mmCIF file of all heavy atoms, coordinates in Angstrom:
data_MODEL
# 
_entry.id   MODEL 
# 
loop_
_atom_site.group_PDB 
_atom_site.id 
_atom_site.type_symbol 
_atom_site.label_atom_id 
_atom_site.label_alt_id 
_atom_site.label_comp_id 
_atom_site.label_asym_id 
_atom_site.label_entity_id 
_atom_site.label_seq_id 
_atom_site.pdbx_PDB_ins_code 
_atom_site.Cartn_x 
_atom_site.Cartn_y 
_atom_site.Cartn_z 
_atom_site.occupancy 
_atom_site.B_iso_or_equiv 
_atom_site.pdbx_formal_charge 
_atom_site.auth_seq_id 
_atom_site.auth_comp_id 
_atom_site.auth_asym_id 
_atom_site.auth_atom_id 
_atom_site.pdbx_PDB_model_num 
ATOM 1   N N   . VAL A 1 1  ? 0.837  -1.213  0.000   1.00 0.00 ? 1  VAL A N   1 
ATOM 2   C CA  . VAL A 1 1  ? 0.000  0.000   0.000   1.00 0.00 ? 1  VAL A CA  1 
ATOM 3   C C   . VAL A 1 1  ? 0.868  1.258   0.000   1.00 0.00 ? 1  VAL A C   1 
ATOM 4   O O   . VAL A 1 1  ? 0.571  2.233   -0.700  1.00 0.00 ? 1  VAL A O   1 
ATOM 5   C CB  . VAL A 1 1  ? -0.953 0.010   1.209   1.00 0.00 ? 1  VAL A CB  1 
ATOM 6   C CG1 . VAL A 1 1  ? -1.671 1.345   1.325   1.00 0.00 ? 1  VAL A CG1 1 
ATOM 7   C CG2 . VAL A 1 1  ? -1.979 -1.098  1.091   1.00 0.00 ? 1  VAL A CG2 1 
ATOM 8   N N   . LYS A 1 2  ? 1.948  1.220   0.763   1.00 0.00 ? 2  LYS A N   1 
ATOM 9   C CA  . LYS A 1 2  ? 2.844  2.382   0.811   1.00 0.00 ? 2  LYS A CA  1 
ATOM 10  C C   . LYS A 1 2  ? 3.430  2.658   -0.563  1.00 0.00 ? 2  LYS A C   1 
ATOM 11  O O   . LYS A 1 2  ? 3.503  3.812   -1.009  1.00 0.00 ? 2  LYS A O   1 
ATOM 12  C CB  . LYS A 1 2  ? 3.961  2.156   1.829   1.00 0.00 ? 2  LYS A CB  1 
ATOM 13  C CG  . LYS A 1 2  ? 4.864  3.371   2.017   1.00 0.00 ? 2  LYS A CG  1 
ATOM 14  C CD  . LYS A 1 2  ? 5.874  3.138   3.128   1.00 0.00 ? 2  LYS A CD  1 
ATOM 15  C CE  . LYS A 1 2  ? 6.756  4.369   3.324   1.00 0.00 ? 2  LYS A CE  1 
ATOM 16  N NZ  . LYS A 1 2  ? 7.754  4.151   4.404   1.00 0.00 ? 2  LYS A NZ  1 
ATOM 17  N N   . ALA A 1 3  ? 3.841  1.612   -1.273  1.00 0.00 ? 3  ALA A N   1 
ATOM 18  C CA  . ALA A 1 3  ? 4.398  1.794   -2.614  1.00 0.00 ? 3  ALA A CA  1 
ATOM 19  C C   . ALA A 1 3  ? 3.346  2.347   -3.568  1.00 0.00 ? 3  ALA A C   1 
ATOM 20  O O   . ALA A 1 3  ? 3.639  3.227   -4.389  1.00 0.00 ? 3  ALA A O   1 
ATOM 21  C CB  . ALA A 1 3  ? 4.949  0.466   -3.136  1.00 0.00 ? 3  ALA A CB  1 
ATOM 22  N N   . ILE A 1 4  ? 2.123  1.834   -3.463  1.00 0.00 ? 4  ILE A N   1 
ATOM 23  C CA  . ILE A 1 4  ? 1.040  2.344   -4.317  1.00 0.00 ? 4  ILE A CA  1 
ATOM 24  C C   . ILE A 1 4  ? 0.765  3.806   -3.996  1.00 0.00 ? 4  ILE A C   1 
ATOM 25  O O   . ILE A 1 4  ? 0.601  4.634   -4.902  1.00 0.00 ? 4  ILE A O   1 
ATOM 26  C CB  . ILE A 1 4  ? -0.225 1.475   -4.148  1.00 0.00 ? 4  ILE A CB  1 
ATOM 27  C CG1 . ILE A 1 4  ? -0.004 0.083   -4.757  1.00 0.00 ? 4  ILE A CG1 1 
ATOM 28  C CG2 . ILE A 1 4  ? -1.438 2.153   -4.790  1.00 0.00 ? 4  ILE A CG2 1 
ATOM 29  C CD1 . ILE A 1 4  ? -1.137 -0.905  -4.486  1.00 0.00 ? 4  ILE A CD1 1 
ATOM 30  N N   . ALA A 1 5  ? 0.716  4.140   -2.710  1.00 0.00 ? 5  ALA A N   1 
ATOM 31  C CA  . ALA A 1 5  ? 0.453  5.522   -2.297  1.00 0.00 ? 5  ALA A CA  1 
ATOM 32  C C   . ALA A 1 5  ? 1.551  6.471   -2.786  1.00 0.00 ? 5  ALA A C   1 
ATOM 33  O O   . ALA A 1 5  ? 1.282  7.635   -3.111  1.00 0.00 ? 5  ALA A O   1 
ATOM 34  C CB  . ALA A 1 5  ? 0.330  5.597   -0.778  1.00 0.00 ? 5  ALA A CB  1 
ATOM 35  N N   . ASN A 1 6  ? 2.786  5.964   -2.852  1.00 0.00 ? 6  ASN A N   1 
ATOM 36  C CA  . ASN A 1 6  ? 3.914  6.774   -3.332  1.00 0.00 ? 6  ASN A CA  1 
ATOM 37  C C   . ASN A 1 6  ? 3.999  6.784   -4.855  1.00 0.00 ? 6  ASN A C   1 
ATOM 38  O O   . ASN A 1 6  ? 4.919  7.374   -5.421  1.00 0.00 ? 6  ASN A O   1 
ATOM 39  C CB  . ASN A 1 6  ? 5.225  6.249   -2.754  1.00 0.00 ? 6  ASN A CB  1 
ATOM 40  C CG  . ASN A 1 6  ? 5.364  6.524   -1.264  1.00 0.00 ? 6  ASN A CG  1 
ATOM 41  O OD1 . ASN A 1 6  ? 4.721  7.426   -0.735  1.00 0.00 ? 6  ASN A OD1 1 
ATOM 42  N ND2 . ASN A 1 6  ? 6.174  5.735   -0.587  1.00 0.00 ? 6  ASN A ND2 1 
ATOM 43  N N   . ARG A 1 7  ? 3.060  6.092   -5.512  1.00 0.00 ? 7  ARG A N   1 
ATOM 44  C CA  . ARG A 1 7  ? 3.010  5.998   -6.980  1.00 0.00 ? 7  ARG A CA  1 
ATOM 45  C C   . ARG A 1 7  ? 4.286  5.362   -7.536  1.00 0.00 ? 7  ARG A C   1 
ATOM 46  O O   . ARG A 1 7  ? 4.714  5.681   -8.652  1.00 0.00 ? 7  ARG A O   1 
ATOM 47  C CB  . ARG A 1 7  ? 2.795  7.379   -7.608  1.00 0.00 ? 7  ARG A CB  1 
ATOM 48  C CG  . ARG A 1 7  ? 1.573  8.129   -7.106  1.00 0.00 ? 7  ARG A CG  1 
ATOM 49  C CD  . ARG A 1 7  ? 0.290  7.391   -7.449  1.00 0.00 ? 7  ARG A CD  1 
ATOM 50  N NE  . ARG A 1 7  ? -0.910 8.120   -7.014  1.00 0.00 ? 7  ARG A NE  1 
ATOM 51  C CZ  . ARG A 1 7  ? -2.148 7.686   -7.190  1.00 0.00 ? 7  ARG A CZ  1 
ATOM 52  N NH1 . ARG A 1 7  ? -2.360 6.525   -7.798  1.00 0.00 ? 7  ARG A NH1 1 
ATOM 53  N NH2 . ARG A 1 7  ? -3.179 8.385   -6.776  1.00 0.00 ? 7  ARG A NH2 1 
ATOM 54  N N   . ASP A 1 8  ? 4.867  4.462   -6.750  1.00 0.00 ? 8  ASP A N   1 
ATOM 55  C CA  . ASP A 1 8  ? 6.073  3.746   -7.173  1.00 0.00 ? 8  ASP A CA  1 
ATOM 56  C C   . ASP A 1 8  ? 5.649  2.422   -7.790  1.00 0.00 ? 8  ASP A C   1 
ATOM 57  O O   . ASP A 1 8  ? 5.562  1.391   -7.116  1.00 0.00 ? 8  ASP A O   1 
ATOM 58  C CB  . ASP A 1 8  ? 7.002  3.522   -5.972  1.00 0.00 ? 8  ASP A CB  1 
ATOM 59  C CG  . ASP A 1 8  ? 8.377  3.011   -6.382  1.00 0.00 ? 8  ASP A CG  1 
ATOM 60  O OD1 . ASP A 1 8  ? 8.477  2.362   -7.448  1.00 0.00 ? 8  ASP A OD1 1 
ATOM 61  O OD2 . ASP A 1 8  ? 9.345  3.239   -5.629  1.00 0.00 ? 8  ASP A OD2 1 
ATOM 62  N N   . ALA A 1 9  ? 5.351  2.443   -9.080  1.00 0.00 ? 9  ALA A N   1 
ATOM 63  C CA  . ALA A 1 9  ? 4.788  1.282   -9.763  1.00 0.00 ? 9  ALA A CA  1 
ATOM 64  C C   . ALA A 1 9  ? 5.746  0.100   -9.767  1.00 0.00 ? 9  ALA A C   1 
ATOM 65  O O   . ALA A 1 9  ? 5.339  -1.050  -9.566  1.00 0.00 ? 9  ALA A O   1 
ATOM 66  C CB  . ALA A 1 9  ? 4.413  1.656   -11.198 1.00 0.00 ? 9  ALA A CB  1 
ATOM 67  N N   . GLU A 1 10 ? 7.028  0.366   -9.983  1.00 0.00 ? 10 GLU A N   1 
ATOM 68  C CA  . GLU A 1 10 ? 8.011  -0.714  -10.039 1.00 0.00 ? 10 GLU A CA  1 
ATOM 69  C C   . GLU A 1 10 ? 8.124  -1.420  -8.694  1.00 0.00 ? 10 GLU A C   1 
ATOM 70  O O   . GLU A 1 10 ? 8.148  -2.658  -8.621  1.00 0.00 ? 10 GLU A O   1 
ATOM 71  C CB  . GLU A 1 10 ? 9.370  -0.160  -10.466 1.00 0.00 ? 10 GLU A CB  1 
ATOM 72  C CG  . GLU A 1 10 ? 10.430 -1.227  -10.647 1.00 0.00 ? 10 GLU A CG  1 
ATOM 73  C CD  . GLU A 1 10 ? 11.735 -0.672  -11.185 1.00 0.00 ? 10 GLU A CD  1 
ATOM 74  O OE1 . GLU A 1 10 ? 11.779 0.523   -11.554 1.00 0.00 ? 10 GLU A OE1 1 
ATOM 75  O OE2 . GLU A 1 10 ? 12.713 -1.434  -11.246 1.00 0.00 ? 10 GLU A OE2 1 
ATOM 76  N N   . LEU A 1 11 ? 8.183  -0.647  -7.624  1.00 0.00 ? 11 LEU A N   1 
ATOM 77  C CA  . LEU A 1 11 ? 8.286  -1.242  -6.285  1.00 0.00 ? 11 LEU A CA  1 
ATOM 78  C C   . LEU A 1 11 ? 7.008  -1.994  -5.926  1.00 0.00 ? 11 LEU A C   1 
ATOM 79  O O   . LEU A 1 11 ? 7.063  -3.085  -5.347  1.00 0.00 ? 11 LEU A O   1 
ATOM 80  C CB  . LEU A 1 11 ? 8.567  -0.160  -5.246  1.00 0.00 ? 11 LEU A CB  1 
ATOM 81  C CG  . LEU A 1 11 ? 8.715  -0.646  -3.801  1.00 0.00 ? 11 LEU A CG  1 
ATOM 82  C CD1 . LEU A 1 11 ? 9.851  -1.652  -3.666  1.00 0.00 ? 11 LEU A CD1 1 
ATOM 83  C CD2 . LEU A 1 11 ? 8.922  0.549   -2.856  1.00 0.00 ? 11 LEU A CD2 1 
ATOM 84  N N   . ALA A 1 12 ? 5.854  -1.422  -6.262  1.00 0.00 ? 12 ALA A N   1 
ATOM 85  C CA  . ALA A 1 12 ? 4.582  -2.081  -5.960  1.00 0.00 ? 12 ALA A CA  1 
ATOM 86  C C   . ALA A 1 12 ? 4.517  -3.447  -6.624  1.00 0.00 ? 12 ALA A C   1 
ATOM 87  O O   . ALA A 1 12 ? 4.092  -4.433  -6.007  1.00 0.00 ? 12 ALA A O   1 
ATOM 88  C CB  . ALA A 1 12 ? 3.412  -1.209  -6.418  1.00 0.00 ? 12 ALA A CB  1 
ATOM 89  N N   . GLU A 1 13 ? 4.951  -3.524  -7.879  1.00 0.00 ? 13 GLU A N   1 
ATOM 90  C CA  . GLU A 1 13 ? 4.941  -4.808  -8.580  1.00 0.00 ? 13 GLU A CA  1 
ATOM 91  C C   . GLU A 1 13 ? 5.902  -5.798  -7.927  1.00 0.00 ? 13 GLU A C   1 
ATOM 92  O O   . GLU A 1 13 ? 5.547  -6.968  -7.711  1.00 0.00 ? 13 GLU A O   1 
ATOM 93  C CB  . GLU A 1 13 ? 5.318  -4.628  -10.049 1.00 0.00 ? 13 GLU A CB  1 
ATOM 94  C CG  . GLU A 1 13 ? 5.362  -5.958  -10.792 1.00 0.00 ? 13 GLU A CG  1 
ATOM 95  C CD  . GLU A 1 13 ? 5.567  -5.818  -12.288 1.00 0.00 ? 13 GLU A CD  1 
ATOM 96  O OE1 . GLU A 1 13 ? 5.827  -4.683  -12.769 1.00 0.00 ? 13 GLU A OE1 1 
ATOM 97  O OE2 . GLU A 1 13 ? 5.465  -6.851  -12.987 1.00 0.00 ? 13 GLU A OE2 1 
ATOM 98  N N   . MET A 1 14 ? 7.093  -5.352  -7.600  1.00 0.00 ? 14 MET A N   1 
ATOM 99  C CA  . MET A 1 14 ? 8.081  -6.239  -6.990  1.00 0.00 ? 14 MET A CA  1 
ATOM 100 C C   . MET A 1 14 ? 7.603  -6.780  -5.654  1.00 0.00 ? 14 MET A C   1 
ATOM 101 O O   . MET A 1 14 ? 7.715  -7.974  -5.364  1.00 0.00 ? 14 MET A O   1 
ATOM 102 C CB  . MET A 1 14 ? 9.403  -5.506  -6.793  1.00 0.00 ? 14 MET A CB  1 
ATOM 103 C CG  . MET A 1 14 ? 10.521 -6.393  -6.253  1.00 0.00 ? 14 MET A CG  1 
ATOM 104 S SD  . MET A 1 14 ? 11.946 -5.456  -5.664  1.00 0.00 ? 14 MET A SD  1 
ATOM 105 C CE  . MET A 1 14 ? 11.315 -4.825  -4.098  1.00 0.00 ? 14 MET A CE  1 
ATOM 106 N N   . LEU A 1 15 ? 7.017  -5.900  -4.835  1.00 0.00 ? 15 LEU A N   1 
ATOM 107 C CA  . LEU A 1 15 ? 6.539  -6.316  -3.514  1.00 0.00 ? 15 LEU A CA  1 
ATOM 108 C C   . LEU A 1 15 ? 5.368  -7.285  -3.623  1.00 0.00 ? 15 LEU A C   1 
ATOM 109 O O   . LEU A 1 15 ? 5.263  -8.237  -2.849  1.00 0.00 ? 15 LEU A O   1 
ATOM 110 C CB  . LEU A 1 15 ? 6.140  -5.090  -2.691  1.00 0.00 ? 15 LEU A CB  1 
ATOM 111 C CG  . LEU A 1 15 ? 7.281  -4.175  -2.241  1.00 0.00 ? 15 LEU A CG  1 
ATOM 112 C CD1 . LEU A 1 15 ? 6.730  -2.928  -1.568  1.00 0.00 ? 15 LEU A CD1 1 
ATOM 113 C CD2 . LEU A 1 15 ? 8.236  -4.899  -1.296  1.00 0.00 ? 15 LEU A CD2 1 
ATOM 114 N N   . MET A 1 16 ? 4.480  -7.048  -4.587  1.00 0.00 ? 16 MET A N   1 
ATOM 115 C CA  . MET A 1 16 ? 3.347  -7.954  -4.759  1.00 0.00 ? 16 MET A CA  1 
ATOM 116 C C   . MET A 1 16 ? 3.814  -9.323  -5.236  1.00 0.00 ? 16 MET A C   1 
ATOM 117 O O   . MET A 1 16 ? 3.354  -10.355 -4.731  1.00 0.00 ? 16 MET A O   1 
ATOM 118 C CB  . MET A 1 16 ? 2.344  -7.364  -5.754  1.00 0.00 ? 16 MET A CB  1 
ATOM 119 C CG  . MET A 1 16 ? 1.115  -8.256  -5.985  1.00 0.00 ? 16 MET A CG  1 
ATOM 120 S SD  . MET A 1 16 ? 0.125  -8.529  -4.494  1.00 0.00 ? 16 MET A SD  1 
ATOM 121 C CE  . MET A 1 16 ? -0.867 -7.017  -4.510  1.00 0.00 ? 16 MET A CE  1 
ATOM 122 N N   . ARG A 1 17 ? 4.740  -9.350  -6.180  1.00 0.00 ? 17 ARG A N   1 
ATOM 123 C CA  . ARG A 1 17 ? 5.241  -10.630 -6.674  1.00 0.00 ? 17 ARG A CA  1 
ATOM 124 C C   . ARG A 1 17 ? 5.918  -11.411 -5.549  1.00 0.00 ? 17 ARG A C   1 
ATOM 125 O O   . ARG A 1 17 ? 5.729  -12.621 -5.414  1.00 0.00 ? 17 ARG A O   1 
ATOM 126 C CB  . ARG A 1 17 ? 6.208  -10.411 -7.837  1.00 0.00 ? 17 ARG A CB  1 
ATOM 127 C CG  . ARG A 1 17 ? 5.535  -9.878  -9.103  1.00 0.00 ? 17 ARG A CG  1 
ATOM 128 C CD  . ARG A 1 17 ? 6.541  -9.688  -10.231 1.00 0.00 ? 17 ARG A CD  1 
ATOM 129 N NE  . ARG A 1 17 ? 6.988  -10.984 -10.718 1.00 0.00 ? 17 ARG A NE  1 
ATOM 130 C CZ  . ARG A 1 17 ? 6.751  -11.442 -11.947 1.00 0.00 ? 17 ARG A CZ  1 
ATOM 131 N NH1 . ARG A 1 17 ? 6.051  -10.715 -12.811 1.00 0.00 ? 17 ARG A NH1 1 
ATOM 132 N NH2 . ARG A 1 17 ? 7.198  -12.615 -12.326 1.00 0.00 ? 17 ARG A NH2 1 
ATOM 133 N N   . ARG A 1 18 ? 6.699  -10.712 -4.738  1.00 0.00 ? 18 ARG A N   1 
ATOM 134 C CA  . ARG A 1 18 ? 7.377  -11.361 -3.617  1.00 0.00 ? 18 ARG A CA  1 
ATOM 135 C C   . ARG A 1 18 ? 6.366  -11.871 -2.594  1.00 0.00 ? 18 ARG A C   1 
ATOM 136 O O   . ARG A 1 18 ? 6.496  -12.979 -2.068  1.00 0.00 ? 18 ARG A O   1 
ATOM 137 C CB  . ARG A 1 18 ? 8.348  -10.367 -2.968  1.00 0.00 ? 18 ARG A CB  1 
ATOM 138 C CG  . ARG A 1 18 ? 9.206  -10.963 -1.870  1.00 0.00 ? 18 ARG A CG  1 
ATOM 139 C CD  . ARG A 1 18 ? 10.120 -9.903  -1.281  1.00 0.00 ? 18 ARG A CD  1 
ATOM 140 N NE  . ARG A 1 18 ? 11.055 -9.372  -2.275  1.00 0.00 ? 18 ARG A NE  1 
ATOM 141 C CZ  . ARG A 1 18 ? 11.805 -8.289  -2.076  1.00 0.00 ? 18 ARG A CZ  1 
ATOM 142 N NH1 . ARG A 1 18 ? 11.682 -7.601  -0.954  1.00 0.00 ? 18 ARG A NH1 1 
ATOM 143 N NH2 . ARG A 1 18 ? 12.640 -7.894  -2.995  1.00 0.00 ? 18 ARG A NH2 1 
ATOM 144 N N   . HIS A 1 19 ? 5.326  -11.085 -2.326  1.00 0.00 ? 19 HIS A N   1 
ATOM 145 C CA  . HIS A 1 19 ? 4.279  -11.459 -1.375  1.00 0.00 ? 19 HIS A CA  1 
ATOM 146 C C   . HIS A 1 19 ? 3.577  -12.743 -1.821  1.00 0.00 ? 19 HIS A C   1 
ATOM 147 O O   . HIS A 1 19 ? 3.341  -13.651 -1.019  1.00 0.00 ? 19 HIS A O   1 
ATOM 148 C CB  . HIS A 1 19 ? 3.274  -10.310 -1.278  1.00 0.00 ? 19 HIS A CB  1 
ATOM 149 C CG  . HIS A 1 19 ? 2.000  -10.629 -0.566  1.00 0.00 ? 19 HIS A CG  1 
ATOM 150 N ND1 . HIS A 1 19 ? 1.952  -10.965 0.768   1.00 0.00 ? 19 HIS A ND1 1 
ATOM 151 C CD2 . HIS A 1 19 ? 0.713  -10.667 -1.008  1.00 0.00 ? 19 HIS A CD2 1 
ATOM 152 C CE1 . HIS A 1 19 ? 0.691  -11.199 1.118   1.00 0.00 ? 19 HIS A CE1 1 
ATOM 153 N NE2 . HIS A 1 19 ? -0.070 -11.028 0.059   1.00 0.00 ? 19 HIS A NE2 1 
ATOM 154 N N   . ILE A 1 20 ? 3.270  -12.836 -3.097  1.00 0.00 ? 20 ILE A N   1 
ATOM 155 C CA  . ILE A 1 20 ? 2.584  -14.025 -3.604  1.00 0.00 ? 20 ILE A CA  1 
ATOM 156 C C   . ILE A 1 20 ? 3.514  -15.233 -3.596  1.00 0.00 ? 20 ILE A C   1 
ATOM 157 O O   . ILE A 1 20 ? 3.088  -16.358 -3.300  1.00 0.00 ? 20 ILE A O   1 
ATOM 158 C CB  . ILE A 1 20 ? 2.001  -13.742 -4.999  1.00 0.00 ? 20 ILE A CB  1 
ATOM 159 C CG1 . ILE A 1 20 ? 0.838  -12.754 -4.864  1.00 0.00 ? 20 ILE A CG1 1 
ATOM 160 C CG2 . ILE A 1 20 ? 1.531  -15.022 -5.686  1.00 0.00 ? 20 ILE A CG2 1 
ATOM 161 C CD1 . ILE A 1 20 ? 0.330  -12.176 -6.143  1.00 0.00 ? 20 ILE A CD1 1 
ATOM 162 N N   . LEU A 1 21 ? 4.794  -15.026 -3.881  1.00 0.00 ? 21 LEU A N   1 
ATOM 163 C CA  . LEU A 1 21 ? 5.768  -16.114 -3.794  1.00 0.00 ? 21 LEU A CA  1 
ATOM 164 C C   . LEU A 1 21 ? 5.844  -16.667 -2.375  1.00 0.00 ? 21 LEU A C   1 
ATOM 165 O O   . LEU A 1 21 ? 5.844  -17.886 -2.163  1.00 0.00 ? 21 LEU A O   1 
ATOM 166 C CB  . LEU A 1 21 ? 7.141  -15.622 -4.245  1.00 0.00 ? 21 LEU A CB  1 
ATOM 167 C CG  . LEU A 1 21 ? 8.292  -16.625 -4.113  1.00 0.00 ? 21 LEU A CG  1 
ATOM 168 C CD1 . LEU A 1 21 ? 8.063  -17.841 -4.995  1.00 0.00 ? 21 LEU A CD1 1 
ATOM 169 C CD2 . LEU A 1 21 ? 9.622  -15.954 -4.457  1.00 0.00 ? 21 LEU A CD2 1 
ATOM 170 N N   . TYR A 1 22 ? 5.888  -15.774 -1.382  1.00 0.00 ? 22 TYR A N   1 
ATOM 171 C CA  . TYR A 1 22 ? 5.941  -16.216 0.012   1.00 0.00 ? 22 TYR A CA  1 
ATOM 172 C C   . TYR A 1 22 ? 4.672  -16.976 0.394   1.00 0.00 ? 22 TYR A C   1 
ATOM 173 O O   . TYR A 1 22 ? 4.727  -17.972 1.112   1.00 0.00 ? 22 TYR A O   1 
ATOM 174 C CB  . TYR A 1 22 ? 6.113  -15.014 0.947   1.00 0.00 ? 22 TYR A CB  1 
ATOM 175 C CG  . TYR A 1 22 ? 7.441  -14.311 0.841   1.00 0.00 ? 22 TYR A CG  1 
ATOM 176 C CD1 . TYR A 1 22 ? 7.599  -13.005 1.308   1.00 0.00 ? 22 TYR A CD1 1 
ATOM 177 C CD2 . TYR A 1 22 ? 8.545  -14.934 0.278   1.00 0.00 ? 22 TYR A CD2 1 
ATOM 178 C CE1 . TYR A 1 22 ? 8.817  -12.348 1.216   1.00 0.00 ? 22 TYR A CE1 1 
ATOM 179 C CE2 . TYR A 1 22 ? 9.767  -14.274 0.171   1.00 0.00 ? 22 TYR A CE2 1 
ATOM 180 C CZ  . TYR A 1 22 ? 9.893  -12.981 0.646   1.00 0.00 ? 22 TYR A CZ  1 
ATOM 181 O OH  . TYR A 1 22 ? 11.091 -12.335 0.548   1.00 0.00 ? 22 TYR A OH  1 
ATOM 182 N N   . SER A 1 23 ? 3.532  -16.503 -0.103  1.00 0.00 ? 23 SER A N   1 
ATOM 183 C CA  . SER A 1 23 ? 2.262  -17.177 0.178   1.00 0.00 ? 23 SER A CA  1 
ATOM 184 C C   . SER A 1 23 ? 2.246  -18.576 -0.431  1.00 0.00 ? 23 SER A C   1 
ATOM 185 O O   . SER A 1 23 ? 1.776  -19.537 0.191   1.00 0.00 ? 23 SER A O   1 
ATOM 186 C CB  . SER A 1 23 ? 1.090  -16.360 -0.360  1.00 0.00 ? 23 SER A CB  1 
ATOM 187 O OG  . SER A 1 23 ? 0.991  -15.114 0.297   1.00 0.00 ? 23 SER A OG  1 
ATOM 188 N N   . LYS A 1 24 ? 2.759  -18.675 -1.651  1.00 0.00 ? 24 LYS A N   1 
ATOM 189 C CA  . LYS A 1 24 ? 2.842  -19.982 -2.312  1.00 0.00 ? 24 LYS A CA  1 
ATOM 190 C C   . LYS A 1 24 ? 3.721  -20.935 -1.517  1.00 0.00 ? 24 LYS A C   1 
ATOM 191 O O   . LYS A 1 24 ? 3.367  -22.100 -1.293  1.00 0.00 ? 24 LYS A O   1 
ATOM 192 C CB  . LYS A 1 24 ? 3.387  -19.815 -3.727  1.00 0.00 ? 24 LYS A CB  1 
ATOM 193 C CG  . LYS A 1 24 ? 3.368  -21.093 -4.565  1.00 0.00 ? 24 LYS A CG  1 
ATOM 194 C CD  . LYS A 1 24 ? 4.680  -21.841 -4.527  1.00 0.00 ? 24 LYS A CD  1 
ATOM 195 C CE  . LYS A 1 24 ? 5.783  -21.081 -5.236  1.00 0.00 ? 24 LYS A CE  1 
ATOM 196 N NZ  . LYS A 1 24 ? 7.070  -21.810 -5.211  1.00 0.00 ? 24 LYS A NZ  1 
ATOM 197 N N   . ASN A 1 25 ? 4.872  -20.450 -1.051  1.00 0.00 ? 25 ASN A N   1 
ATOM 198 C CA  . ASN A 1 25 ? 5.786  -21.284 -0.271  1.00 0.00 ? 25 ASN A CA  1 
ATOM 199 C C   . ASN A 1 25 ? 5.123  -21.778 1.025   1.00 0.00 ? 25 ASN A C   1 
ATOM 200 O O   . ASN A 1 25 ? 5.311  -22.924 1.443   1.00 0.00 ? 25 ASN A O   1 
ATOM 201 C CB  . ASN A 1 25 ? 7.060  -20.536 0.048   1.00 0.00 ? 25 ASN A CB  1 
ATOM 202 C CG  . ASN A 1 25 ? 7.923  -20.286 -1.175  1.00 0.00 ? 25 ASN A CG  1 
ATOM 203 O OD1 . ASN A 1 25 ? 7.743  -20.927 -2.208  1.00 0.00 ? 25 ASN A OD1 1 
ATOM 204 N ND2 . ASN A 1 25 ? 8.831  -19.324 -1.092  1.00 0.00 ? 25 ASN A ND2 1 
ATOM 205 N N   . ASN A 1 26 ? 4.319  -20.894 1.636   1.00 0.00 ? 26 ASN A N   1 
ATOM 206 C CA  . ASN A 1 26 ? 3.636  -21.242 2.877   1.00 0.00 ? 26 ASN A CA  1 
ATOM 207 C C   . ASN A 1 26 ? 2.635  -22.370 2.654   1.00 0.00 ? 26 ASN A C   1 
ATOM 208 O O   . ASN A 1 26 ? 2.552  -23.326 3.440   1.00 0.00 ? 26 ASN A O   1 
ATOM 209 C CB  . ASN A 1 26 ? 2.918  -20.008 3.431   1.00 0.00 ? 26 ASN A CB  1 
ATOM 210 C CG  . ASN A 1 26 ? 2.106  -20.306 4.684   1.00 0.00 ? 26 ASN A CG  1 
ATOM 211 O OD1 . ASN A 1 26 ? 2.666  -20.631 5.725   1.00 0.00 ? 26 ASN A OD1 1 
ATOM 212 N ND2 . ASN A 1 26 ? 0.805  -20.202 4.583   1.00 0.00 ? 26 ASN A ND2 1 
ATOM 213 N N   . ILE A 1 27 ? 1.880  -22.280 1.568   1.00 0.00 ? 27 ILE A N   1 
ATOM 214 C CA  . ILE A 1 27 ? 0.891  -23.313 1.256   1.00 0.00 ? 27 ILE A CA  1 
ATOM 215 C C   . ILE A 1 27 ? 1.582  -24.610 0.805   1.00 0.00 ? 27 ILE A C   1 
ATOM 216 O O   . ILE A 1 27 ? 1.156  -25.700 1.164   1.00 0.00 ? 27 ILE A O   1 
ATOM 217 C CB  . ILE A 1 27 ? -0.079 -22.825 0.170   1.00 0.00 ? 27 ILE A CB  1 
ATOM 218 C CG1 . ILE A 1 27 ? -0.919 -21.652 0.703   1.00 0.00 ? 27 ILE A CG1 1 
ATOM 219 C CG2 . ILE A 1 27 ? -1.000 -23.936 -0.307  1.00 0.00 ? 27 ILE A CG2 1 
ATOM 220 C CD1 . ILE A 1 27 ? -1.786 -20.969 -0.344  1.00 0.00 ? 27 ILE A CD1 1 
ATOM 221 N N   . GLN A 1 28 ? 2.648  -24.451 0.061   1.00 0.00 ? 28 GLN A N   1 
ATOM 222 C CA  . GLN A 1 28 ? 3.352  -25.611 -0.499  1.00 0.00 ? 28 GLN A CA  1 
ATOM 223 C C   . GLN A 1 28 ? 3.833  -26.552 0.588   1.00 0.00 ? 28 GLN A C   1 
ATOM 224 O O   . GLN A 1 28 ? 3.792  -27.769 0.436   1.00 0.00 ? 28 GLN A O   1 
ATOM 225 C CB  . GLN A 1 28 ? 4.524  -25.128 -1.350  1.00 0.00 ? 28 GLN A CB  1 
ATOM 226 C CG  . GLN A 1 28 ? 5.108  -26.164 -2.279  1.00 0.00 ? 28 GLN A CG  1 
ATOM 227 C CD  . GLN A 1 28 ? 6.066  -25.531 -3.266  1.00 0.00 ? 28 GLN A CD  1 
ATOM 228 O OE1 . GLN A 1 28 ? 6.778  -24.585 -2.952  1.00 0.00 ? 28 GLN A OE1 1 
ATOM 229 N NE2 . GLN A 1 28 ? 6.059  -26.031 -4.489  1.00 0.00 ? 28 GLN A NE2 1 
# 
């Protein structure tokens, strides 16, 4: 949310991809 609020599109994408990877690892 902080990255989105700062309009930092590149960081927002990187953080979301990392977040989903961590979630996948948790379920796996």
